[in-house]
Amino acid sequence: MALRGKIDDFGIVEILQLISQQQRSGILTIQSNRKRAEIIFFQGMITKANPFYLHPQKPPFAATSLATFLVSPEELELAEKKAEENLKSLEENFLDLNLLNIALIQKINEYLIIETLYEVLQWKSGEYEFILNEIKYDARFSPLIPPEHILLDILRMIDEEPEFFRKISSLEMVFQKASLEEGGDKQLEGLGINEKTVYHLIDGTKTVQDIIIQSLLGKYSTLKAIVTLAERGLIRKKRIKKVSVSKPLTYKNRGEYIFYGILPIILMLFLFGLRFLLTFYWSGEDDRVSYKKIFPQTQVQKIQTALCIYFLEKGKYPLTLSDLVNNGLLSPDDLERFTEADYGDQLREKGNHNLLNKSFN
């Protein structure tokens, strides 16, 4: 049995924190639209991540090693063949064949963890599944990262990202080095290691996305470095001939756009708001209507959290909601509006506790 749910109902941050608090080992799979990622836990700490959406054709570690030009296709093929024969991990075979050292293997795994969290924490809808499992942890190749130590940093990065995209309009943009004035490399003095790494990768052909991958710095750090280099005048956008140029927007066209495009939207929002107010005040019902809608939702969230904690502690869901009370996860009052029949039906039908999709009248 697995811990399953929807991102819309129970956020990824909450799931990561619960797994960490209960110090569980296993694999958390998250899927949104056509994107899928795995986060691997060892005793409540993140040890690896697999962003399958980045490289659908190959396992993320192998694909990243190839995309960064750390190994050639022939070397990767040799390591993969060895892994099939000796049943060792790809990392261990890279090390045995002297293709990658421990520092580079660790750097790739850390990059995959950061990039995966950076991406999935921005997903607003989708599904997750956590399967309890024994995880073989090799301290040589992977870090052990407590989620609480990294979540705040990742969320801060996500908040700051829009500032970078004001200057970098697309990950497909190409930059080139600006001509250095007399003194040459002295202009590079004072740059951090990230800025220097990115600067040396910029060659007028690589896209921003290429540099993100090849630098192994991650999206946030790469974008930040590019903005810093551009502000210092060390790089500039490369002029690329466009296949087709759209007609510039004239002031007359802007006026028509506002009249025909924006005004109808404003009018629709106004009418929708008016209808909402009329429905709220003249429905013939009292405040109990909104109370019925709000109260179950907040209570369901509380039960949802208790069910997740119970699963992570016991490795299974409770047979009845009363078990949550008996284990001190809820009080009897929390179950006032919920029946054992509702919960039992959900558990039998789906093997999980998708209570958030139920409606209570």
Protein backbone atom coordinates (compact mmCIF):
# COMPACT_ATOMS: atom_id res chain seq x y z
CA MET A 1 0.00 0.00 0.00
CA ALA A 2 1.25 3.49 -0.85
CA LEU A 3 0.61 7.00 0.39
CA ARG A 4 -1.23 8.63 -2.50
CA GLY A 5 -2.90 11.96 -3.06
CA LYS A 6 -3.31 15.02 -5.20
CA ILE A 7 -1.02 18.03 -5.14
CA ASP A 8 -4.09 20.26 -5.36
CA ASP A 9 -5.29 18.92 -2.00
CA PHE A 10 -2.11 18.29 -0.05
CA GLY A 11 0.98 20.21 -1.09
CA ILE A 12 4.40 18.77 -1.87
CA VAL A 13 6.03 20.82 0.90
CA GLU A 14 3.74 19.20 3.48
CA ILE A 15 4.48 15.70 2.15
CA LEU A 16 8.25 16.31 2.22
CA GLN A 17 8.03 17.57 5.80
CA LEU A 18 5.94 14.60 6.96
CA ILE A 19 8.32 12.07 5.43
CA SER A 20 11.22 13.89 7.08
CA GLN A 21 9.54 14.07 10.49
CA GLN A 22 8.71 10.36 10.45
CA GLN A 23 12.25 9.51 9.21
CA ARG A 24 10.95 7.15 6.54
CA SER A 25 12.82 5.56 3.63
CA GLY A 26 11.24 5.14 0.23
CA ILE A 27 10.48 6.74 -3.12
CA LEU A 28 8.19 9.73 -3.62
CA THR A 29 6.89 9.91 -7.19
CA ILE A 30 5.29 13.15 -8.34
CA GLN A 31 3.48 13.61 -11.63
CA SER A 32 1.99 16.74 -13.18
CA ASN A 33 0.58 16.67 -16.70
CA ARG A 34 3.25 14.78 -18.65
CA LYS A 35 6.08 15.51 -16.25
CA ARG A 36 7.27 12.93 -13.73
CA ALA A 37 9.93 13.05 -11.05
CA GLU A 38 11.17 10.88 -8.18
CA ILE A 39 12.62 11.96 -4.85
CA ILE A 40 14.40 9.22 -2.92
CA PHE A 41 14.48 9.28 0.90
CA PHE A 42 16.79 7.51 3.30
CA GLN A 43 15.64 7.75 6.93
CA GLY A 44 13.73 10.95 6.24
CA MET A 45 16.51 12.68 4.32
CA ILE A 46 16.72 13.29 0.59
CA THR A 47 19.52 11.32 -1.01
CA LYS A 48 18.71 11.32 -4.74
CA ALA A 49 16.26 12.68 -7.28
CA ASN A 50 15.29 11.70 -10.79
CA PRO A 51 13.73 14.42 -12.97
CA PHE A 52 12.53 12.14 -15.77
CA TYR A 53 10.97 15.10 -17.61
CA LEU A 54 14.43 16.51 -18.43
CA HIS A 55 15.72 13.48 -20.31
CA PRO A 56 12.88 11.07 -21.22
CA GLN A 57 15.12 8.72 -23.21
CA LYS A 58 17.70 7.85 -20.53
CA PRO A 59 17.94 7.71 -16.72
CA PRO A 60 18.61 11.27 -15.42
CA PHE A 61 22.09 10.53 -14.04
CA ALA A 62 23.27 8.96 -17.30
CA ALA A 63 21.67 11.66 -19.44
CA THR A 64 23.17 14.47 -17.35
CA SER A 65 26.64 12.93 -17.52
CA LEU A 66 26.29 12.89 -21.28
CA ALA A 67 24.75 16.37 -21.62
CA THR A 68 27.56 17.94 -19.61
CA PHE A 69 30.18 16.24 -21.83
CA LEU A 70 31.72 14.60 -18.78
CA VAL A 71 31.51 11.28 -20.59
CA SER A 72 31.22 10.38 -24.26
CA PRO A 73 28.40 8.25 -25.71
CA GLU A 74 30.86 5.37 -26.07
CA GLU A 75 32.01 5.66 -22.45
CA LEU A 76 28.42 5.79 -21.22
CA GLU A 77 27.56 2.71 -23.26
CA LEU A 78 30.53 0.87 -21.75
CA ALA A 79 29.51 1.82 -18.18
CA GLU A 80 25.89 0.79 -18.82
CA LYS A 81 27.02 -2.56 -20.20
CA LYS A 82 29.22 -3.13 -17.14
CA ALA A 83 26.29 -2.24 -14.86
CA GLU A 84 24.16 -4.91 -16.51
CA GLU A 85 26.90 -7.48 -16.03
CA ASN A 86 28.01 -6.78 -12.47
CA LEU A 87 24.69 -5.37 -11.14
CA LYS A 88 26.50 -2.39 -9.64
CA SER A 89 25.14 1.14 -9.89
CA LEU A 90 26.07 3.32 -12.85
CA GLU A 91 27.93 5.65 -10.49
CA GLU A 92 30.10 2.82 -9.20
CA ASN A 93 30.93 1.68 -12.71
CA PHE A 94 31.86 5.23 -13.72
CA LEU A 95 34.23 5.27 -10.77
CA ASP A 96 35.68 1.81 -11.47
CA LEU A 97 36.33 2.74 -15.12
CA ASN A 98 37.96 6.04 -14.09
CA LEU A 99 35.40 7.97 -16.13
CA LEU A 100 34.19 10.14 -13.24
CA ASN A 101 35.64 10.80 -9.82
CA ILE A 102 33.64 10.89 -6.59
CA ALA A 103 33.45 14.71 -6.53
CA LEU A 104 31.85 14.86 -9.99
CA ILE A 105 29.42 12.05 -9.19
CA GLN A 106 28.33 13.89 -6.04
CA LYS A 107 27.99 17.14 -7.97
CA ILE A 108 25.70 15.53 -10.55
CA ASN A 109 23.49 14.01 -7.85
CA GLU A 110 23.28 17.30 -5.95
CA TYR A 111 22.39 19.11 -9.18
CA LEU A 112 19.59 16.61 -9.87
CA ILE A 113 18.18 17.07 -6.36
CA ILE A 114 18.17 20.87 -6.55
CA GLU A 115 16.69 20.97 -10.04
CA THR A 116 13.98 18.45 -9.18
CA LEU A 117 12.86 20.31 -6.05
CA TYR A 118 13.07 23.64 -7.88
CA GLU A 119 10.70 22.31 -10.53
CA VAL A 120 8.19 20.20 -8.58
CA LEU A 121 7.64 22.82 -5.89
CA GLN A 122 6.15 25.00 -8.62
CA TRP A 123 3.64 22.37 -9.74
CA LYS A 124 0.13 23.41 -8.75
CA SER A 125 -1.70 20.26 -9.78
CA GLY A 126 -0.94 16.59 -10.22
CA GLU A 127 -0.56 13.47 -8.12
CA TYR A 128 1.97 12.02 -5.71
CA GLU A 129 2.70 8.54 -4.38
CA PHE A 130 5.11 7.58 -1.62
CA ILE A 131 6.11 3.92 -1.39
CA LEU A 132 7.89 2.76 1.73
CA ASN A 133 10.96 0.81 0.74
CA GLU A 134 14.47 -0.10 1.82
CA ILE A 135 16.96 2.25 0.18
CA LYS A 136 20.60 1.35 -0.30
CA TYR A 137 22.53 4.48 0.56
CA ASP A 138 26.13 4.92 -0.60
CA ALA A 139 27.74 7.86 1.20
CA ARG A 140 30.41 8.13 -1.51
CA PHE A 141 28.00 9.20 -4.22
CA SER A 142 25.00 10.93 -2.67
CA PRO A 143 24.38 13.58 -0.03
CA LEU A 144 21.88 13.29 2.81
CA ILE A 145 19.80 16.47 2.82
CA PRO A 146 17.16 17.14 5.50
CA PRO A 147 14.18 18.66 3.61
CA GLU A 148 13.74 21.44 6.17
CA HIS A 149 17.31 22.60 5.47
CA ILE A 150 16.72 23.07 1.77
CA LEU A 151 13.02 23.90 1.33
CA LEU A 152 13.30 27.52 2.48
CA ASP A 153 16.23 28.13 0.13
CA ILE A 154 14.39 26.59 -2.83
CA LEU A 155 11.20 28.55 -2.12
CA ARG A 156 13.23 31.76 -1.88
CA MET A 157 14.86 30.98 -5.24
CA ILE A 158 11.45 30.45 -6.82
CA ASP A 159 10.24 33.80 -5.47
CA GLU A 160 13.28 35.59 -6.91
CA GLU A 161 13.22 33.92 -10.34
CA PRO A 162 10.78 36.41 -11.99
CA GLU A 163 13.35 39.17 -11.47
CA PHE A 164 15.83 37.27 -13.64
CA PHE A 165 13.31 36.72 -16.42
CA ARG A 166 12.84 40.46 -16.75
CA LYS A 167 16.33 40.45 -18.25
CA ILE A 168 16.43 36.92 -19.67
CA SER A 169 13.27 36.53 -21.69
CA SER A 170 13.78 32.89 -22.64
CA LEU A 171 15.92 29.88 -21.82
CA GLU A 172 16.60 29.66 -25.57
CA MET A 173 18.46 32.98 -25.55
CA VAL A 174 22.12 32.95 -26.60
CA PHE A 175 24.76 35.22 -25.08
CA GLN A 176 28.25 36.06 -26.25
CA LYS A 177 31.23 37.53 -24.48
CA ALA A 178 31.73 41.28 -24.80
CA SER A 179 35.13 42.59 -25.88
CA LEU A 180 37.32 43.05 -22.83
CA GLU A 181 38.93 46.45 -22.42
CA GLU A 182 42.64 46.90 -21.89
CA GLY A 183 43.61 44.90 -18.85
CA GLY A 184 41.76 41.84 -20.08
CA ASP A 185 41.15 39.31 -17.38
CA LYS A 186 41.39 41.93 -14.64
CA GLN A 187 37.76 42.71 -15.42
CA LEU A 188 36.90 39.23 -14.21
CA GLU A 189 38.40 39.87 -10.80
CA GLY A 190 35.82 39.99 -8.04
CA LEU A 191 33.52 37.51 -9.76
CA GLY A 192 32.30 34.54 -7.75
CA ILE A 193 32.98 30.95 -8.75
CA ASN A 194 29.49 30.63 -10.26
CA GLU A 195 29.93 33.71 -12.45
CA LYS A 196 33.34 32.51 -13.63
CA THR A 197 31.97 29.05 -14.45
CA VAL A 198 29.13 30.52 -16.50
CA TYR A 199 31.38 33.10 -18.18
CA HIS A 200 33.73 30.41 -19.50
CA LEU A 201 30.78 28.43 -20.89
CA ILE A 202 29.35 31.38 -22.85
CA ASP A 203 30.54 31.12 -26.45
CA GLY A 204 27.83 32.63 -28.64
CA THR A 205 26.30 29.24 -29.47
CA LYS A 206 25.04 27.75 -26.20
CA THR A 207 21.54 28.60 -25.06
CA VAL A 208 20.80 29.52 -21.46
CA GLN A 209 19.33 26.03 -21.01
CA ASP A 210 22.56 24.48 -22.30
CA ILE A 211 24.56 26.46 -19.76
CA ILE A 212 22.21 25.48 -16.93
CA ILE A 213 22.91 21.82 -17.64
CA GLN A 214 26.61 22.02 -18.47
CA SER A 215 27.50 24.20 -15.49
CA LEU A 216 25.74 21.85 -13.03
CA LEU A 217 24.86 24.98 -11.07
CA GLY A 218 21.11 24.67 -11.48
CA LYS A 219 18.60 27.02 -13.04
CA TYR A 220 18.55 29.67 -10.31
CA SER A 221 22.31 30.03 -9.86
CA THR A 222 22.91 30.07 -13.62
CA LEU A 223 20.30 32.76 -14.27
CA LYS A 224 21.68 34.84 -11.41
CA ALA A 225 25.22 34.53 -12.78
CA ILE A 226 24.13 35.53 -16.30
CA VAL A 227 22.32 38.61 -14.99
CA THR A 228 25.41 39.61 -12.97
CA LEU A 229 27.69 39.20 -15.99
CA ALA A 230 25.32 41.19 -18.21
CA GLU A 231 25.05 44.02 -15.67
CA ARG A 232 28.86 44.24 -15.55
CA GLY A 233 29.02 44.45 -19.32
CA LEU A 234 30.99 41.23 -19.64
CA ILE A 235 28.42 39.51 -21.86
CA ARG A 236 25.66 40.64 -24.19
CA LYS A 237 22.74 39.11 -26.00
CA LYS A 238 23.64 37.74 -29.39
CA ARG A 239 21.64 39.15 -32.29
CA ILE A 240 19.92 36.29 -34.05
CA LYS A 241 18.12 36.76 -37.33
CA LYS A 242 14.46 36.00 -36.85
CA VAL A 243 12.53 34.05 -39.42
CA SER A 244 9.51 36.31 -39.20
CA VAL A 245 9.01 39.62 -37.48
CA SER A 246 5.59 40.44 -36.13
CA LYS A 247 4.05 43.77 -37.00
CA PRO A 248 4.78 46.36 -34.31
CA LEU A 249 1.84 47.39 -32.17
CA THR A 250 0.79 50.94 -33.05
CA TYR A 251 -0.99 53.24 -30.65
CA LYS A 252 -4.14 52.84 -32.72
CA ASN A 253 -3.86 49.07 -32.44
CA ARG A 254 -3.28 49.37 -28.72
CA GLY A 255 -6.49 51.32 -28.35
CA GLU A 256 -8.41 48.73 -30.31
CA TYR A 257 -6.79 45.99 -28.26
CA ILE A 258 -7.90 47.63 -25.02
CA PHE A 259 -11.43 48.29 -26.32
CA TYR A 260 -12.08 44.89 -27.86
CA GLY A 261 -9.87 42.74 -25.65
CA ILE A 262 -9.66 44.06 -22.11
CA LEU A 263 -13.03 45.80 -21.67
CA PRO A 264 -15.08 42.63 -22.30
CA ILE A 265 -12.99 40.79 -19.73
CA ILE A 266 -13.54 43.55 -17.16
CA LEU A 267 -17.27 43.50 -17.92
CA MET A 268 -17.43 39.72 -17.50
CA LEU A 269 -15.61 39.91 -14.16
CA PHE A 270 -17.98 42.64 -13.00
CA LEU A 271 -21.07 40.61 -13.93
CA PHE A 272 -19.63 37.49 -12.33
CA GLY A 273 -18.92 39.39 -9.12
CA LEU A 274 -22.41 40.89 -9.12
CA ARG A 275 -23.96 37.47 -9.59
CA PHE A 276 -21.85 36.09 -6.75
CA LEU A 277 -23.00 38.86 -4.40
CA LEU A 278 -26.65 38.43 -5.35
CA THR A 279 -26.41 34.68 -4.83
CA PHE A 280 -24.71 35.15 -1.47
CA TYR A 281 -27.20 37.67 -0.08
CA TRP A 282 -30.47 36.58 -1.71
CA SER A 283 -30.24 32.80 -1.74
CA GLY A 284 -32.78 32.60 1.06
CA GLU A 285 -30.27 30.88 3.35
CA ASP A 286 -28.31 32.18 6.30
CA ASP A 287 -24.62 32.04 7.11
CA ARG A 288 -24.86 28.30 7.61
CA VAL A 289 -24.42 27.90 3.84
CA SER A 290 -20.87 29.24 3.82
CA TYR A 291 -20.20 27.53 7.14
CA LYS A 292 -21.05 24.15 5.61
CA LYS A 293 -18.62 24.78 2.77
CA ILE A 294 -15.73 26.08 4.85
CA PHE A 295 -15.94 23.86 7.91
CA PRO A 296 -15.65 20.47 6.16
CA GLN A 297 -12.72 21.68 4.06
CA THR A 298 -10.67 22.75 7.09
CA GLN A 299 -11.57 19.57 8.96
CA VAL A 300 -10.73 17.39 5.97
CA GLN A 301 -7.30 19.03 5.77
CA LYS A 302 -6.74 18.12 9.41
CA ILE A 303 -7.86 14.52 8.86
CA GLN A 304 -5.75 14.31 5.70
CA THR A 305 -2.63 15.26 7.67
CA ALA A 306 -3.45 12.76 10.41
CA LEU A 307 -3.93 9.97 7.85
CA CYS A 308 -0.56 10.75 6.24
CA ILE A 309 1.20 10.67 9.61
CA TYR A 310 -0.52 7.39 10.53
CA PHE A 311 0.54 5.83 7.23
CA LEU A 312 4.15 6.93 7.64
CA GLU A 313 4.25 5.60 11.21
CA LYS A 314 2.46 2.29 10.62
CA GLY A 315 3.05 1.62 6.92
CA LYS A 316 -0.70 1.30 6.29
CA TYR A 317 -3.91 3.28 6.61
CA PRO A 318 -6.14 2.91 9.68
CA LEU A 319 -9.14 0.61 9.33
CA THR A 320 -11.37 3.24 10.91
CA LEU A 321 -11.13 6.97 11.51
CA SER A 322 -11.44 6.25 15.24
CA ASP A 323 -7.93 4.79 15.09
CA LEU A 324 -6.66 8.33 14.49
CA VAL A 325 -8.24 9.39 17.79
CA ASN A 326 -6.90 6.35 19.63
CA ASN A 327 -3.37 7.18 18.42
CA GLY A 328 -3.63 10.79 19.58
CA LEU A 329 -3.61 12.27 16.08
CA LEU A 330 -7.12 13.74 16.31
CA SER A 331 -9.73 14.57 18.91
CA PRO A 332 -13.26 13.08 18.79
CA ASP A 333 -14.64 16.50 17.83
CA ASP A 334 -12.58 16.45 14.63
CA LEU A 335 -14.69 13.55 13.33
CA GLU A 336 -18.06 15.08 14.16
CA ARG A 337 -19.16 15.56 10.53
CA PHE A 338 -17.57 12.44 9.05
CA THR A 339 -18.81 8.87 9.01
CA GLU A 340 -16.86 5.63 9.15
CA ALA A 341 -18.84 4.46 6.12
CA ASP A 342 -17.50 7.30 3.96
CA TYR A 343 -13.93 6.49 4.94
CA GLY A 344 -14.35 2.72 4.56
CA ASP A 345 -15.79 3.10 1.06
CA GLN A 346 -12.83 5.22 -0.03
CA LEU A 347 -10.31 2.77 1.43
CA ARG A 348 -11.91 -0.26 -0.22
CA GLU A 349 -12.43 1.39 -3.62
CA LYS A 350 -9.11 3.19 -4.07
CA GLY A 351 -6.77 1.87 -1.40
CA ASN A 352 -6.17 5.41 -0.21
CA HIS A 353 -7.90 8.24 1.60
CA ASN A 354 -9.03 10.65 -1.09
CA LEU A 355 -11.42 12.36 1.31
CA LEU A 356 -10.73 15.82 -0.04
CA ASN A 357 -12.73 15.08 -3.16
CA LYS A 358 -15.84 14.16 -1.18
CA SER A 359 -18.56 16.71 -0.54
CA PHE A 360 -20.39 17.01 2.75
CA ASN A 361 -23.83 18.63 2.91
